[in-house]
Amino acid sequence: MSAPVLIGYFEHEAQVLAATRAVREAGHDLRDVYTPYAVHGLDDAMGLKPSRLTWVCFGAGLLGCTLALSLQLYTSVVSWPLNVGGKPFNSFPAFIPVTFELTVLFAALSTVAAFLVRARLFPGKKLQTLPRVTDDRFAIVIAPRQSPESLEAAEDLLRRHGAVATDLKEVGP
């Protein structure tokens, strides 16, 4: 089942910030805001919660660190102890490079994978792009209530805040 969304195109980031705040205050369902670059304050204007990707990164890094230390301790102390230069079998300074590398590797790969899953950017997915949004335009996508008056009010709201064009599209779930 497809639902109509109203897309408002803007030329300046100040306009899109003001329009985003106004759309939320008016009670419309703000779906997303597309920008050609990161706009400071947009996440607050959209009312987004802080990202949990940092916790995924921390947990995966902790897992990588634990696995690296466990593997090195097991191989150096239990499975294959070698006396190298009279050092103890569990010489921690020798474990630091591998531990650091695996911590960073696990954290980075897990964070990228979690981001792709969260953003639903799966391989082979056909992307729906908006014209000039990745170049020099900004776009706000809202789902107005199902009444024609609400659609007209939402379009008027976007135009009052500087929308150079509006477009009504049908999108899938």
N, C-alpha and C. Protein backbone atom coordinates (compact mmCIF):
# COMPACT_ATOMS: atom_id res chain seq x y z
N MET A 1 0.84 -1.17 0.00
CA MET A 1 0.00 0.00 0.00
C MET A 1 0.89 1.23 0.00
N SER A 2 0.66 2.12 -0.95
CA SER A 2 1.48 3.33 -1.03
C SER A 2 0.77 4.49 -0.37
N ALA A 3 1.58 5.44 0.08
CA ALA A 3 1.03 6.61 0.76
C ALA A 3 1.62 7.86 0.12
N PRO A 4 0.85 8.94 0.05
CA PRO A 4 1.39 10.16 -0.55
C PRO A 4 2.32 10.88 0.43
N VAL A 5 3.40 11.41 -0.11
CA VAL A 5 4.31 12.26 0.66
C VAL A 5 4.49 13.56 -0.09
N LEU A 6 4.67 14.61 0.66
CA LEU A 6 4.89 15.93 0.09
C LEU A 6 6.36 16.26 0.24
N ILE A 7 6.99 16.64 -0.86
CA ILE A 7 8.42 16.97 -0.85
C ILE A 7 8.56 18.45 -1.15
N GLY A 8 9.24 19.14 -0.27
CA GLY A 8 9.53 20.56 -0.47
C GLY A 8 11.01 20.75 -0.73
N TYR A 9 11.34 21.47 -1.80
CA TYR A 9 12.74 21.71 -2.17
C TYR A 9 13.15 23.12 -1.75
N PHE A 10 14.33 23.22 -1.16
CA PHE A 10 14.85 24.50 -0.67
C PHE A 10 16.24 24.73 -1.24
N GLU A 11 16.65 26.02 -1.24
CA GLU A 11 17.98 26.35 -1.76
C GLU A 11 18.99 26.70 -0.67
N HIS A 12 18.53 27.01 0.54
CA HIS A 12 19.44 27.43 1.60
C HIS A 12 19.19 26.63 2.86
N GLU A 13 20.26 26.36 3.61
CA GLU A 13 20.13 25.54 4.81
C GLU A 13 19.35 26.24 5.92
N ALA A 14 19.42 27.56 6.00
CA ALA A 14 18.64 28.28 7.02
C ALA A 14 17.14 28.10 6.78
N GLN A 15 16.75 28.09 5.51
CA GLN A 15 15.34 27.88 5.18
C GLN A 15 14.89 26.48 5.58
N VAL A 16 15.73 25.50 5.30
CA VAL A 16 15.33 24.12 5.60
C VAL A 16 15.29 23.89 7.11
N LEU A 17 16.17 24.52 7.86
CA LEU A 17 16.11 24.40 9.32
C LEU A 17 14.82 25.01 9.88
N ALA A 18 14.49 26.21 9.40
CA ALA A 18 13.26 26.86 9.87
C ALA A 18 12.03 26.06 9.46
N ALA A 19 12.02 25.56 8.24
CA ALA A 19 10.88 24.78 7.76
C ALA A 19 10.75 23.47 8.53
N THR A 20 11.86 22.85 8.86
CA THR A 20 11.82 21.60 9.62
C THR A 20 11.20 21.82 11.00
N ARG A 21 11.62 22.88 11.65
CA ARG A 21 11.03 23.19 12.97
C ARG A 21 9.53 23.48 12.84
N ALA A 22 9.15 24.24 11.80
CA ALA A 22 7.74 24.59 11.60
C ALA A 22 6.89 23.36 11.29
N VAL A 23 7.42 22.44 10.51
CA VAL A 23 6.68 21.22 10.17
C VAL A 23 6.43 20.40 11.43
N ARG A 24 7.44 20.28 12.29
CA ARG A 24 7.25 19.53 13.54
C ARG A 24 6.25 20.22 14.45
N GLU A 25 6.33 21.56 14.54
CA GLU A 25 5.41 22.30 15.40
C GLU A 25 3.97 22.21 14.90
N ALA A 26 3.81 22.12 13.57
CA ALA A 26 2.47 22.02 12.99
C ALA A 26 1.87 20.63 13.16
N GLY A 27 2.68 19.66 13.56
CA GLY A 27 2.17 18.32 13.82
C GLY A 27 2.16 17.39 12.63
N HIS A 28 2.82 17.77 11.54
CA HIS A 28 2.90 16.88 10.38
C HIS A 28 3.92 15.78 10.65
N ASP A 29 3.77 14.67 9.94
CA ASP A 29 4.69 13.54 10.08
C ASP A 29 5.92 13.81 9.23
N LEU A 30 7.00 14.23 9.87
CA LEU A 30 8.25 14.52 9.18
C LEU A 30 8.96 13.21 8.89
N ARG A 31 9.05 12.84 7.61
CA ARG A 31 9.67 11.57 7.25
C ARG A 31 11.19 11.67 7.22
N ASP A 32 11.71 12.67 6.49
CA ASP A 32 13.16 12.81 6.39
C ASP A 32 13.51 14.16 5.81
N VAL A 33 14.78 14.53 5.96
CA VAL A 33 15.31 15.75 5.36
C VAL A 33 16.58 15.34 4.63
N TYR A 34 16.67 15.69 3.36
CA TYR A 34 17.82 15.35 2.54
C TYR A 34 18.63 16.60 2.27
N THR A 35 19.94 16.50 2.48
CA THR A 35 20.82 17.65 2.28
C THR A 35 22.06 17.21 1.52
N PRO A 36 22.70 18.13 0.77
CA PRO A 36 23.91 17.76 0.06
C PRO A 36 25.13 17.66 0.97
N TYR A 37 25.04 18.17 2.18
CA TYR A 37 26.13 18.09 3.16
C TYR A 37 25.52 18.13 4.56
N ALA A 38 26.32 17.86 5.55
CA ALA A 38 25.82 17.84 6.93
C ALA A 38 25.44 19.25 7.36
N VAL A 39 24.27 19.39 7.94
CA VAL A 39 23.77 20.68 8.42
C VAL A 39 23.71 20.61 9.94
N HIS A 40 24.47 21.49 10.59
CA HIS A 40 24.51 21.50 12.05
C HIS A 40 23.16 21.96 12.61
N GLY A 41 22.67 21.24 13.58
CA GLY A 41 21.40 21.58 14.22
C GLY A 41 20.20 20.92 13.59
N LEU A 42 20.39 20.22 12.47
CA LEU A 42 19.26 19.60 11.79
C LEU A 42 18.70 18.43 12.60
N ASP A 43 19.57 17.67 13.25
CA ASP A 43 19.07 16.55 14.05
C ASP A 43 18.22 17.03 15.22
N ASP A 44 18.58 18.16 15.81
CA ASP A 44 17.74 18.73 16.88
C ASP A 44 16.42 19.24 16.31
N ALA A 45 16.48 19.88 15.14
CA ALA A 45 15.26 20.41 14.52
C ALA A 45 14.31 19.28 14.12
N MET A 46 14.87 18.14 13.74
CA MET A 46 14.04 16.99 13.37
C MET A 46 13.54 16.22 14.58
N GLY A 47 14.13 16.47 15.74
CA GLY A 47 13.73 15.76 16.95
C GLY A 47 14.27 14.35 17.01
N LEU A 48 15.43 14.13 16.41
CA LEU A 48 16.02 12.79 16.41
C LEU A 48 16.66 12.48 17.76
N LYS A 49 16.59 11.24 18.15
CA LYS A 49 17.25 10.78 19.37
C LYS A 49 18.73 10.57 19.07
N PRO A 50 19.58 10.60 20.08
CA PRO A 50 21.00 10.32 19.85
C PRO A 50 21.18 8.92 19.27
N SER A 51 22.16 8.78 18.40
CA SER A 51 22.42 7.51 17.73
C SER A 51 22.97 6.48 18.71
N ARG A 52 22.58 5.23 18.50
CA ARG A 52 23.11 4.14 19.32
C ARG A 52 24.27 3.44 18.63
N LEU A 53 24.71 3.97 17.49
CA LEU A 53 25.84 3.36 16.81
C LEU A 53 27.11 3.45 17.64
N THR A 54 27.22 4.46 18.50
CA THR A 54 28.41 4.55 19.34
C THR A 54 28.49 3.37 20.30
N TRP A 55 27.34 2.90 20.77
CA TRP A 55 27.33 1.74 21.65
C TRP A 55 27.68 0.46 20.89
N VAL A 56 27.25 0.37 19.64
CA VAL A 56 27.63 -0.77 18.81
C VAL A 56 29.14 -0.77 18.61
N CYS A 57 29.69 0.41 18.32
CA CYS A 57 31.13 0.54 18.12
C CYS A 57 31.89 0.15 19.40
N PHE A 58 31.43 0.65 20.54
CA PHE A 58 32.09 0.34 21.81
C PHE A 58 32.03 -1.15 22.11
N GLY A 59 30.86 -1.74 21.95
CA GLY A 59 30.70 -3.17 22.24
C GLY A 59 31.54 -4.04 21.32
N ALA A 60 31.56 -3.70 20.04
CA ALA A 60 32.35 -4.49 19.09
C ALA A 60 33.84 -4.31 19.36
N GLY A 61 34.26 -3.11 19.72
CA GLY A 61 35.66 -2.89 20.07
C GLY A 61 36.05 -3.67 21.31
N LEU A 62 35.16 -3.70 22.29
CA LEU A 62 35.41 -4.47 23.51
C LEU A 62 35.50 -5.96 23.20
N LEU A 63 34.64 -6.43 22.31
CA LEU A 63 34.68 -7.83 21.89
C LEU A 63 36.00 -8.14 21.18
N GLY A 64 36.42 -7.25 20.27
CA GLY A 64 37.69 -7.45 19.57
C GLY A 64 38.87 -7.46 20.52
N CYS A 65 38.87 -6.56 21.49
CA CYS A 65 39.94 -6.49 22.49
C CYS A 65 39.98 -7.78 23.32
N THR A 66 38.82 -8.23 23.76
CA THR A 66 38.73 -9.44 24.58
C THR A 66 39.19 -10.67 23.79
N LEU A 67 38.74 -10.78 22.55
CA LEU A 67 39.15 -11.92 21.73
C LEU A 67 40.65 -11.90 21.45
N ALA A 68 41.20 -10.73 21.17
CA ALA A 68 42.63 -10.63 20.89
C ALA A 68 43.45 -11.03 22.11
N LEU A 69 43.11 -10.49 23.27
CA LEU A 69 43.86 -10.84 24.48
C LEU A 69 43.69 -12.31 24.83
N SER A 70 42.47 -12.83 24.69
CA SER A 70 42.22 -14.24 25.01
C SER A 70 43.01 -15.16 24.09
N LEU A 71 42.99 -14.88 22.81
CA LEU A 71 43.71 -15.71 21.85
C LEU A 71 45.21 -15.67 22.12
N GLN A 72 45.75 -14.49 22.37
CA GLN A 72 47.19 -14.38 22.61
C GLN A 72 47.60 -15.03 23.93
N LEU A 73 46.80 -14.83 24.97
CA LEU A 73 47.11 -15.47 26.25
C LEU A 73 47.04 -16.99 26.13
N TYR A 74 46.03 -17.49 25.44
CA TYR A 74 45.89 -18.94 25.28
C TYR A 74 47.08 -19.52 24.51
N THR A 75 47.41 -18.90 23.38
CA THR A 75 48.50 -19.45 22.58
C THR A 75 49.86 -19.28 23.24
N SER A 76 50.08 -18.18 23.94
CA SER A 76 51.39 -17.92 24.54
C SER A 76 51.60 -18.63 25.87
N VAL A 77 50.55 -18.86 26.62
CA VAL A 77 50.69 -19.42 27.96
C VAL A 77 50.28 -20.89 28.01
N VAL A 78 49.17 -21.24 27.39
CA VAL A 78 48.61 -22.58 27.55
C VAL A 78 49.03 -23.51 26.41
N SER A 79 48.75 -23.11 25.19
CA SER A 79 48.88 -24.02 24.06
C SER A 79 50.32 -24.16 23.55
N TRP A 80 51.04 -23.05 23.43
CA TRP A 80 52.35 -23.10 22.81
C TRP A 80 53.32 -22.16 23.53
N PRO A 81 53.68 -22.43 24.77
CA PRO A 81 54.58 -21.53 25.48
C PRO A 81 56.01 -21.62 24.94
N LEU A 82 56.56 -20.48 24.60
CA LEU A 82 57.94 -20.40 24.11
C LEU A 82 58.72 -19.45 25.00
N ASN A 83 59.91 -19.85 25.38
CA ASN A 83 60.76 -18.99 26.17
C ASN A 83 61.58 -18.15 25.20
N VAL A 84 61.21 -16.87 25.06
CA VAL A 84 61.90 -15.97 24.13
C VAL A 84 62.63 -14.92 24.94
N GLY A 85 63.94 -15.00 24.99
CA GLY A 85 64.75 -13.99 25.67
C GLY A 85 64.50 -13.91 27.16
N GLY A 86 64.00 -14.95 27.77
CA GLY A 86 63.76 -14.95 29.20
C GLY A 86 62.53 -14.18 29.63
N LYS A 87 61.71 -13.74 28.67
CA LYS A 87 60.49 -13.00 29.04
C LYS A 87 59.45 -13.98 29.58
N PRO A 88 58.56 -13.47 30.42
CA PRO A 88 57.48 -14.35 30.90
C PRO A 88 56.54 -14.70 29.75
N PHE A 89 55.82 -15.80 29.92
CA PHE A 89 54.93 -16.25 28.86
C PHE A 89 53.79 -15.27 28.60
N ASN A 90 53.31 -14.61 29.65
CA ASN A 90 52.19 -13.68 29.50
C ASN A 90 52.68 -12.23 29.48
N SER A 91 53.63 -11.94 28.62
CA SER A 91 54.20 -10.59 28.52
C SER A 91 53.21 -9.66 27.82
N PHE A 92 52.54 -8.85 28.60
CA PHE A 92 51.47 -7.99 28.07
C PHE A 92 51.95 -6.99 27.02
N PRO A 93 53.11 -6.33 27.16
CA PRO A 93 53.52 -5.37 26.12
C PRO A 93 53.62 -5.98 24.72
N ALA A 94 53.91 -7.25 24.63
CA ALA A 94 53.97 -7.90 23.32
C ALA A 94 52.59 -8.08 22.71
N PHE A 95 51.55 -8.05 23.54
CA PHE A 95 50.19 -8.25 23.06
C PHE A 95 49.53 -6.96 22.57
N ILE A 96 50.10 -5.82 22.87
CA ILE A 96 49.44 -4.53 22.59
C ILE A 96 49.16 -4.31 21.10
N PRO A 97 50.12 -4.51 20.18
CA PRO A 97 49.82 -4.23 18.77
C PRO A 97 48.66 -5.05 18.20
N VAL A 98 48.66 -6.34 18.46
CA VAL A 98 47.60 -7.19 17.92
C VAL A 98 46.26 -6.84 18.57
N THR A 99 46.28 -6.56 19.86
CA THR A 99 45.05 -6.18 20.57
C THR A 99 44.48 -4.89 20.00
N PHE A 100 45.33 -3.92 19.78
CA PHE A 100 44.87 -2.65 19.20
C PHE A 100 44.28 -2.86 17.82
N GLU A 101 44.97 -3.61 16.98
CA GLU A 101 44.50 -3.84 15.61
C GLU A 101 43.15 -4.55 15.58
N LEU A 102 42.99 -5.58 16.38
CA LEU A 102 41.71 -6.29 16.38
C LEU A 102 40.58 -5.47 17.00
N THR A 103 40.91 -4.64 17.98
CA THR A 103 39.89 -3.75 18.56
C THR A 103 39.37 -2.80 17.50
N VAL A 104 40.27 -2.16 16.77
CA VAL A 104 39.87 -1.21 15.73
C VAL A 104 39.15 -1.93 14.59
N LEU A 105 39.63 -3.08 14.19
CA LEU A 105 39.00 -3.84 13.10
C LEU A 105 37.57 -4.23 13.45
N PHE A 106 37.37 -4.82 14.62
CA PHE A 106 36.02 -5.23 15.03
C PHE A 106 35.09 -4.03 15.16
N ALA A 107 35.59 -2.95 15.77
CA ALA A 107 34.75 -1.76 15.97
C ALA A 107 34.35 -1.15 14.62
N ALA A 108 35.30 -1.01 13.71
CA ALA A 108 35.02 -0.37 12.43
C ALA A 108 34.06 -1.21 11.58
N LEU A 109 34.36 -2.49 11.42
CA LEU A 109 33.51 -3.33 10.57
C LEU A 109 32.10 -3.49 11.14
N SER A 110 32.00 -3.64 12.45
CA SER A 110 30.68 -3.79 13.06
C SER A 110 29.87 -2.50 12.96
N THR A 111 30.53 -1.36 13.11
CA THR A 111 29.82 -0.09 13.01
C THR A 111 29.31 0.14 11.59
N VAL A 112 30.14 -0.16 10.60
CA VAL A 112 29.70 -0.01 9.21
C VAL A 112 28.54 -0.96 8.91
N ALA A 113 28.64 -2.20 9.36
CA ALA A 113 27.56 -3.16 9.12
C ALA A 113 26.27 -2.72 9.82
N ALA A 114 26.38 -2.26 11.06
CA ALA A 114 25.19 -1.80 11.79
C ALA A 114 24.57 -0.59 11.12
N PHE A 115 25.40 0.31 10.61
CA PHE A 115 24.88 1.49 9.91
C PHE A 115 24.13 1.08 8.65
N LEU A 116 24.70 0.18 7.87
CA LEU A 116 24.05 -0.25 6.63
C LEU A 116 22.72 -0.96 6.92
N VAL A 117 22.68 -1.77 7.96
CA VAL A 117 21.43 -2.45 8.33
C VAL A 117 20.41 -1.44 8.83
N ARG A 118 20.84 -0.51 9.68
CA ARG A 118 19.92 0.48 10.25
C ARG A 118 19.35 1.40 9.17
N ALA A 119 20.18 1.77 8.19
CA ALA A 119 19.75 2.66 7.13
C ALA A 119 19.08 1.91 5.98
N ARG A 120 18.99 0.59 6.10
CA ARG A 120 18.38 -0.27 5.07
C ARG A 120 19.05 -0.07 3.71
N LEU A 121 20.37 -0.01 3.71
CA LEU A 121 21.13 0.15 2.48
C LEU A 121 21.71 -1.21 2.08
N PHE A 122 20.83 -2.09 1.65
CA PHE A 122 21.25 -3.42 1.29
C PHE A 122 21.73 -3.45 -0.16
N PRO A 123 22.66 -4.35 -0.49
CA PRO A 123 23.13 -4.44 -1.87
C PRO A 123 21.98 -4.80 -2.82
N GLY A 124 21.95 -4.16 -3.97
CA GLY A 124 20.93 -4.42 -4.97
C GLY A 124 19.64 -3.67 -4.77
N LYS A 125 19.53 -2.88 -3.73
CA LYS A 125 18.31 -2.13 -3.49
C LYS A 125 18.27 -0.93 -4.43
N LYS A 126 17.14 -0.76 -5.10
CA LYS A 126 16.98 0.37 -6.02
C LYS A 126 16.72 1.63 -5.20
N LEU A 127 17.59 2.61 -5.35
CA LEU A 127 17.46 3.84 -4.58
C LEU A 127 16.55 4.82 -5.30
N GLN A 128 15.73 5.49 -4.53
CA GLN A 128 14.88 6.54 -5.07
C GLN A 128 15.56 7.87 -4.78
N THR A 129 16.01 8.53 -5.83
CA THR A 129 16.73 9.79 -5.63
C THR A 129 15.84 10.97 -5.96
N LEU A 130 16.13 12.08 -5.33
CA LEU A 130 15.41 13.32 -5.58
C LEU A 130 16.32 14.21 -6.42
N PRO A 131 15.77 14.94 -7.40
CA PRO A 131 16.60 15.73 -8.29
C PRO A 131 17.36 16.83 -7.56
N ARG A 132 18.65 16.93 -7.83
CA ARG A 132 19.57 17.96 -7.35
C ARG A 132 19.79 17.97 -5.84
N VAL A 133 19.27 16.99 -5.13
CA VAL A 133 19.43 17.00 -3.68
C VAL A 133 20.87 16.69 -3.29
N THR A 134 21.55 15.86 -4.05
CA THR A 134 22.94 15.58 -3.74
C THR A 134 23.87 16.62 -4.35
N ASP A 135 23.33 17.60 -5.02
CA ASP A 135 24.15 18.64 -5.67
C ASP A 135 24.08 19.96 -4.91
N ASP A 136 22.93 20.63 -4.95
CA ASP A 136 22.85 21.96 -4.34
C ASP A 136 21.48 22.28 -3.77
N ARG A 137 20.64 21.29 -3.59
CA ARG A 137 19.30 21.53 -3.06
C ARG A 137 19.09 20.78 -1.76
N PHE A 138 18.12 21.22 -1.01
CA PHE A 138 17.70 20.57 0.23
C PHE A 138 16.26 20.13 0.03
N ALA A 139 15.88 19.03 0.66
CA ALA A 139 14.50 18.55 0.52
C ALA A 139 13.97 18.09 1.86
N ILE A 140 12.71 18.44 2.11
CA ILE A 140 11.99 17.96 3.29
C ILE A 140 10.87 17.06 2.79
N VAL A 141 10.78 15.87 3.35
CA VAL A 141 9.73 14.93 2.98
C VAL A 141 8.81 14.78 4.18
N ILE A 142 7.54 15.12 3.97
CA ILE A 142 6.55 14.99 5.04
C ILE A 142 5.36 14.18 4.54
N ALA A 143 4.71 13.53 5.46
CA ALA A 143 3.49 12.78 5.14
C ALA A 143 2.33 13.52 5.79
N PRO A 144 1.64 14.35 5.02
CA PRO A 144 0.51 15.09 5.61
C PRO A 144 -0.63 14.14 5.93
N ARG A 145 -1.51 14.60 6.78
CA ARG A 145 -2.69 13.80 7.10
C ARG A 145 -3.52 13.61 5.83
N GLN A 146 -4.41 12.67 5.84
CA GLN A 146 -5.09 12.25 4.62
C GLN A 146 -6.14 13.22 4.08
N SER A 147 -6.37 14.34 4.72
CA SER A 147 -7.38 15.27 4.22
C SER A 147 -6.76 16.26 3.22
N PRO A 148 -7.52 16.70 2.22
CA PRO A 148 -7.00 17.67 1.25
C PRO A 148 -6.62 19.00 1.91
N GLU A 149 -7.35 19.39 2.96
CA GLU A 149 -7.02 20.64 3.64
C GLU A 149 -5.64 20.55 4.30
N SER A 150 -5.34 19.39 4.84
CA SER A 150 -4.04 19.19 5.48
C SER A 150 -2.92 19.25 4.45
N LEU A 151 -3.17 18.69 3.28
CA LEU A 151 -2.18 18.74 2.21
C LEU A 151 -1.92 20.17 1.77
N GLU A 152 -2.98 20.94 1.60
CA GLU A 152 -2.82 22.35 1.21
C GLU A 152 -2.12 23.15 2.30
N ALA A 153 -2.45 22.87 3.55
CA ALA A 153 -1.81 23.58 4.67
C ALA A 153 -0.33 23.24 4.74
N ALA A 154 0.02 21.98 4.51
CA ALA A 154 1.42 21.57 4.55
C ALA A 154 2.20 22.22 3.40
N GLU A 155 1.58 22.25 2.22
CA GLU A 155 2.24 22.87 1.07
C GLU A 155 2.42 24.37 1.30
N ASP A 156 1.42 25.01 1.86
CA ASP A 156 1.51 26.44 2.17
C ASP A 156 2.60 26.70 3.21
N LEU A 157 2.70 25.83 4.19
CA LEU A 157 3.73 25.96 5.22
C LEU A 157 5.13 25.90 4.61
N LEU A 158 5.33 24.94 3.71
CA LEU A 158 6.63 24.82 3.06
C LEU A 158 6.94 26.04 2.20
N ARG A 159 5.96 26.52 1.46
CA ARG A 159 6.17 27.71 0.61
C ARG A 159 6.47 28.95 1.44
N ARG A 160 5.78 29.11 2.57
CA ARG A 160 6.03 30.27 3.44
C ARG A 160 7.46 30.29 3.97
N HIS A 161 8.05 29.12 4.13
CA HIS A 161 9.41 29.04 4.65
C HIS A 161 10.46 28.97 3.55
N GLY A 162 10.08 29.26 2.32
CA GLY A 162 11.06 29.41 1.25
C GLY A 162 11.21 28.25 0.29
N ALA A 163 10.27 27.33 0.24
CA ALA A 163 10.37 26.22 -0.71
C ALA A 163 10.27 26.76 -2.13
N VAL A 164 11.22 26.38 -2.97
CA VAL A 164 11.18 26.83 -4.37
C VAL A 164 10.27 25.94 -5.20
N ALA A 165 10.03 24.72 -4.73
CA ALA A 165 9.13 23.81 -5.44
C ALA A 165 8.60 22.78 -4.44
N THR A 166 7.42 22.28 -4.74
CA THR A 166 6.87 21.18 -3.95
C THR A 166 6.40 20.10 -4.90
N ASP A 167 6.39 18.88 -4.42
CA ASP A 167 6.03 17.75 -5.26
C ASP A 167 5.30 16.73 -4.40
N LEU A 168 4.23 16.17 -4.94
CA LEU A 168 3.48 15.13 -4.24
C LEU A 168 3.78 13.80 -4.93
N LYS A 169 4.31 12.84 -4.16
CA LYS A 169 4.67 11.54 -4.73
C LYS A 169 4.04 10.43 -3.91
N GLU A 170 3.84 9.31 -4.57
CA GLU A 170 3.37 8.10 -3.89
C GLU A 170 4.59 7.23 -3.61
N VAL A 171 4.74 6.81 -2.37
CA VAL A 171 5.86 5.94 -2.01
C VAL A 171 5.33 4.70 -1.33
N GLY A 172 6.09 3.62 -1.45
CA GLY A 172 5.71 2.36 -0.83
C GLY A 172 6.08 2.35 0.64
N PRO A 173 5.73 1.26 1.32
CA PRO A 173 6.01 1.15 2.75
C PRO A 173 7.49 1.03 3.05
